[in-house]
Amino acid sequence: MLTLRRETDYALQMLKVLSKSKGRVLSLNDIAKTTKISFLFLQKIARKLRMAKLIDAHQGVAGGYQLTIDPKKITLRKVVEVMEGKCCILNCLDTSKKIDCCNPAQTCELKTKMGKLNKRIVKILEEVKLTDI
């Protein structure tokens, strides 16, 4: 079964809370209380989301986090790839890894069929926006 990691689930919850804040800056403590997710785990998640430029951090007493992108433009695919890496159901489908696990690659029916399935999954993840969940 294809399962998203807990970190991805929590990232989606954090982004959802930020999307409902209507541009206000929210402290990580507030997000932790709202989502019931560990402050330390949220720090780790926030770091990845900041590096991907999905959220921005503000320092100081009134500091916190806010979305940098309209939630209607944040796709499930983007969040999954930020948190988990490229969406590939087989290692050999990830062209960035330069792995050729098929023997011989030209006649591997599994790669062809799974490649089509992978494209459909990625398309669905691309169509689902943060505002849809």
C-alpha atoms as a PDB file:
ATOM      1  CA  MET A   1       0.000   0.000   0.000  1.00  0.00           C
ATOM      2  CA  LEU A   2       1.235   3.469  -0.822  1.00  0.00           C
ATOM      3  CA  THR A   3       1.254   5.486   2.379  1.00  0.00           C
ATOM      4  CA  LEU A   4       2.306   9.050   3.089  1.00  0.00           C
ATOM      5  CA  ARG A   5       4.685   9.441   6.006  1.00  0.00           C
ATOM      6  CA  ARG A   6       3.490  11.057   9.227  1.00  0.00           C
ATOM      7  CA  GLU A   7       5.761  14.031   8.507  1.00  0.00           C
ATOM      8  CA  THR A   8       3.851  14.692   5.275  1.00  0.00           C
ATOM      9  CA  ASP A   9       0.505  14.360   7.040  1.00  0.00           C
ATOM     10  CA  TYR A  10       1.628  16.869   9.667  1.00  0.00           C
ATOM     11  CA  ALA A  11       3.021  19.232   7.022  1.00  0.00           C
ATOM     12  CA  LEU A  12      -0.400  19.250   5.367  1.00  0.00           C
ATOM     13  CA  GLN A  13      -2.051  19.951   8.723  1.00  0.00           C
ATOM     14  CA  MET A  14       0.360  22.817   9.381  1.00  0.00           C
ATOM     15  CA  LEU A  15      -0.211  24.299   5.923  1.00  0.00           C
ATOM     16  CA  LYS A  16      -3.967  23.961   6.352  1.00  0.00           C
ATOM     17  CA  VAL A  17      -3.862  25.905   9.643  1.00  0.00           C
ATOM     18  CA  LEU A  18      -1.731  28.607   8.008  1.00  0.00           C
ATOM     19  CA  SER A  19      -4.125  28.796   5.057  1.00  0.00           C
ATOM     20  CA  LYS A  20      -7.023  29.468   7.426  1.00  0.00           C
ATOM     21  CA  SER A  21      -5.099  32.299   9.134  1.00  0.00           C
ATOM     22  CA  LYS A  22      -5.796  34.551   6.129  1.00  0.00           C
ATOM     23  CA  GLY A  23      -2.242  35.888   5.911  1.00  0.00           C
ATOM     24  CA  ARG A  24      -1.719  36.396   9.646  1.00  0.00           C
ATOM     25  CA  VAL A  25       1.571  35.282  11.147  1.00  0.00           C
ATOM     26  CA  LEU A  26       1.078  32.305  13.483  1.00  0.00           C
ATOM     27  CA  SER A  27       3.574  31.175  16.087  1.00  0.00           C
ATOM     28  CA  LEU A  28       4.716  27.579  16.067  1.00  0.00           C
ATOM     29  CA  ASN A  29       3.245  27.264  19.570  1.00  0.00           C
ATOM     30  CA  ASP A  30      -0.184  28.274  18.238  1.00  0.00           C
ATOM     31  CA  ILE A  31       0.116  25.810  15.363  1.00  0.00           C
ATOM     32  CA  ALA A  32       1.204  23.062  17.782  1.00  0.00           C
ATOM     33  CA  LYS A  33      -1.790  23.738  20.052  1.00  0.00           C
ATOM     34  CA  THR A  34      -4.234  23.806  17.146  1.00  0.00           C
ATOM     35  CA  THR A  35      -2.927  20.625  15.501  1.00  0.00           C
ATOM     36  CA  LYS A  36      -1.851  18.784  18.683  1.00  0.00           C
ATOM     37  CA  ILE A  37       1.491  18.087  16.981  1.00  0.00           C
ATOM     38  CA  SER A  38       4.789  18.242  18.874  1.00  0.00           C
ATOM     39  CA  PHE A  39       6.477  21.662  18.726  1.00  0.00           C
ATOM     40  CA  LEU A  40       9.842  20.023  17.941  1.00  0.00           C
ATOM     41  CA  PHE A  41       8.381  17.938  15.118  1.00  0.00           C
ATOM     42  CA  LEU A  42       6.735  21.058  13.684  1.00  0.00           C
ATOM     43  CA  GLN A  43      10.112  22.847  13.773  1.00  0.00           C
ATOM     44  CA  LYS A  44      11.591  20.115  11.595  1.00  0.00           C
ATOM     45  CA  ILE A  45       8.639  20.289   9.202  1.00  0.00           C
ATOM     46  CA  ALA A  46       8.715  24.102   9.091  1.00  0.00           C
ATOM     47  CA  ARG A  47      12.391  24.004   8.117  1.00  0.00           C
ATOM     48  CA  LYS A  48      11.613  21.875   5.053  1.00  0.00           C
ATOM     49  CA  LEU A  49       8.602  23.990   4.099  1.00  0.00           C
ATOM     50  CA  ARG A  50      10.715  27.163   4.407  1.00  0.00           C
ATOM     51  CA  MET A  51      13.472  25.717   2.234  1.00  0.00           C
ATOM     52  CA  ALA A  52      10.823  24.954  -0.396  1.00  0.00           C
ATOM     53  CA  LYS A  53       9.556  28.550  -0.063  1.00  0.00           C
ATOM     54  CA  LEU A  54       6.033  27.421   0.846  1.00  0.00           C
ATOM     55  CA  ILE A  55       6.158  29.314   4.143  1.00  0.00           C
ATOM     56  CA  ASP A  56       8.078  32.282   5.480  1.00  0.00           C
ATOM     57  CA  ALA A  57       9.375  32.823   9.012  1.00  0.00           C
ATOM     58  CA  HIS A  58       9.189  36.099  10.923  1.00  0.00           C
ATOM     59  CA  GLN A  59      11.497  36.673  13.894  1.00  0.00           C
ATOM     60  CA  GLY A  60      10.741  38.421  17.150  1.00  0.00           C
ATOM     61  CA  VAL A  61       8.023  38.600  19.783  1.00  0.00           C
ATOM     62  CA  ALA A  62       5.222  38.730  17.213  1.00  0.00           C
ATOM     63  CA  GLY A  63       7.065  36.277  14.961  1.00  0.00           C
ATOM     64  CA  GLY A  64       5.884  33.063  13.457  1.00  0.00           C
ATOM     65  CA  TYR A  65       5.026  31.588  10.093  1.00  0.00           C
ATOM     66  CA  GLN A  66       2.791  32.401   7.167  1.00  0.00           C
ATOM     67  CA  LEU A  67       2.200  31.016   3.698  1.00  0.00           C
ATOM     68  CA  THR A  68       4.180  32.564   0.863  1.00  0.00           C
ATOM     69  CA  ILE A  69       1.877  31.176  -1.819  1.00  0.00           C
ATOM     70  CA  ASP A  70      -1.871  31.329  -2.307  1.00  0.00           C
ATOM     71  CA  PRO A  71      -3.254  28.045  -0.858  1.00  0.00           C
ATOM     72  CA  LYS A  72      -5.164  27.523  -4.120  1.00  0.00           C
ATOM     73  CA  LYS A  73      -1.785  27.180  -5.844  1.00  0.00           C
ATOM     74  CA  ILE A  74      -0.190  24.730  -3.395  1.00  0.00           C
ATOM     75  CA  THR A  75      -0.622  21.231  -4.793  1.00  0.00           C
ATOM     76  CA  LEU A  76      -0.581  17.985  -2.875  1.00  0.00           C
ATOM     77  CA  ARG A  77       2.198  16.885  -5.238  1.00  0.00           C
ATOM     78  CA  LYS A  78       4.383  19.824  -4.184  1.00  0.00           C
ATOM     79  CA  VAL A  79       3.950  19.069  -0.480  1.00  0.00           C
ATOM     80  CA  VAL A  80       4.556  15.332  -0.951  1.00  0.00           C
ATOM     81  CA  GLU A  81       7.699  15.972  -2.989  1.00  0.00           C
ATOM     82  CA  VAL A  82       9.024  18.514  -0.467  1.00  0.00           C
ATOM     83  CA  MET A  83       8.517  16.111   2.419  1.00  0.00           C
ATOM     84  CA  GLU A  84       9.211  12.738   0.771  1.00  0.00           C
ATOM     85  CA  GLY A  85      11.061  13.322  -2.472  1.00  0.00           C
ATOM     86  CA  LYS A  86       9.989  12.681  -6.035  1.00  0.00           C
ATOM     87  CA  CYS A  87       6.742  10.719  -6.464  1.00  0.00           C
ATOM     88  CA  CYS A  88       7.833   7.362  -7.861  1.00  0.00           C
ATOM     89  CA  ILE A  89       6.248   4.012  -7.108  1.00  0.00           C
ATOM     90  CA  LEU A  90       9.317   2.161  -8.447  1.00  0.00           C
ATOM     91  CA  ASN A  91      12.937   3.232  -7.942  1.00  0.00           C
ATOM     92  CA  CYS A  92      13.698   2.748 -11.635  1.00  0.00           C
ATOM     93  CA  LEU A  93      11.058   5.371 -12.539  1.00  0.00           C
ATOM     94  CA  ASP A  94      12.983   8.090 -10.698  1.00  0.00           C
ATOM     95  CA  THR A  95      15.207   9.496 -13.432  1.00  0.00           C
ATOM     96  CA  SER A  96      17.061  11.678 -10.919  1.00  0.00           C
ATOM     97  CA  LYS A  97      18.513   8.570  -9.242  1.00  0.00           C
ATOM     98  CA  LYS A  98      19.957   7.106 -12.460  1.00  0.00           C
ATOM     99  CA  ILE A  99      18.957   3.608 -11.357  1.00  0.00           C
ATOM    100  CA  ASP A 100      18.406   0.920 -13.954  1.00  0.00           C
ATOM    101  CA  CYS A 101      16.904  -1.961 -12.011  1.00  0.00           C
ATOM    102  CA  CYS A 102      15.285  -3.656 -14.979  1.00  0.00           C
ATOM    103  CA  ASN A 103      17.029  -6.484 -16.737  1.00  0.00           C
ATOM    104  CA  PRO A 104      16.946  -5.760 -19.635  1.00  0.00           C
ATOM    105  CA  ALA A 105      15.383  -2.305 -19.285  1.00  0.00           C
ATOM    106  CA  GLN A 106      13.998  -2.202 -22.821  1.00  0.00           C
ATOM    107  CA  THR A 107      11.759  -5.238 -22.304  1.00  0.00           C
ATOM    108  CA  CYS A 108      10.571  -4.639 -18.747  1.00  0.00           C
ATOM    109  CA  GLU A 109       6.761  -4.696 -18.920  1.00  0.00           C
ATOM    110  CA  LEU A 110       6.436  -3.854 -15.242  1.00  0.00           C
ATOM    111  CA  LYS A 111       8.299  -0.569 -15.712  1.00  0.00           C
ATOM    112  CA  THR A 112       6.015   0.388 -18.617  1.00  0.00           C
ATOM    113  CA  LYS A 113       2.780  -0.426 -16.770  1.00  0.00           C
ATOM    114  CA  MET A 114       3.915   1.043 -13.469  1.00  0.00           C
ATOM    115  CA  GLY A 115       5.190   4.126 -15.292  1.00  0.00           C
ATOM    116  CA  LYS A 116       1.673   4.739 -16.614  1.00  0.00           C
ATOM    117  CA  LEU A 117       0.214   4.237 -13.135  1.00  0.00           C
ATOM    118  CA  ASN A 118       2.823   6.587 -11.661  1.00  0.00           C
ATOM    119  CA  LYS A 119       1.865   9.304 -14.171  1.00  0.00           C
ATOM    120  CA  ARG A 120      -1.791   8.975 -13.171  1.00  0.00           C
ATOM    121  CA  ILE A 121      -0.937   9.232  -9.470  1.00  0.00           C
ATOM    122  CA  VAL A 122       1.244  12.307 -10.059  1.00  0.00           C
ATOM    123  CA  LYS A 123      -1.529  13.893 -12.149  1.00  0.00           C
ATOM    124  CA  ILE A 124      -4.049  13.399  -9.322  1.00  0.00           C
ATOM    125  CA  LEU A 125      -1.597  14.790  -6.744  1.00  0.00           C
ATOM    126  CA  GLU A 126      -1.070  17.805  -9.015  1.00  0.00           C
ATOM    127  CA  GLU A 127      -4.822  18.411  -9.328  1.00  0.00           C
ATOM    128  CA  VAL A 128      -5.508  18.375  -5.573  1.00  0.00           C
ATOM    129  CA  LYS A 129      -4.873  21.783  -4.000  1.00  0.00           C
ATOM    130  CA  LEU A 130      -4.403  22.652  -0.333  1.00  0.00           C
ATOM    131  CA  THR A 131      -7.841  24.268  -0.388  1.00  0.00           C
ATOM    132  CA  ASP A 132      -9.371  20.939  -1.502  1.00  0.00           C
ATOM    133  CA  ILE A 133      -8.344  19.029   1.612  1.00  0.00           C
END
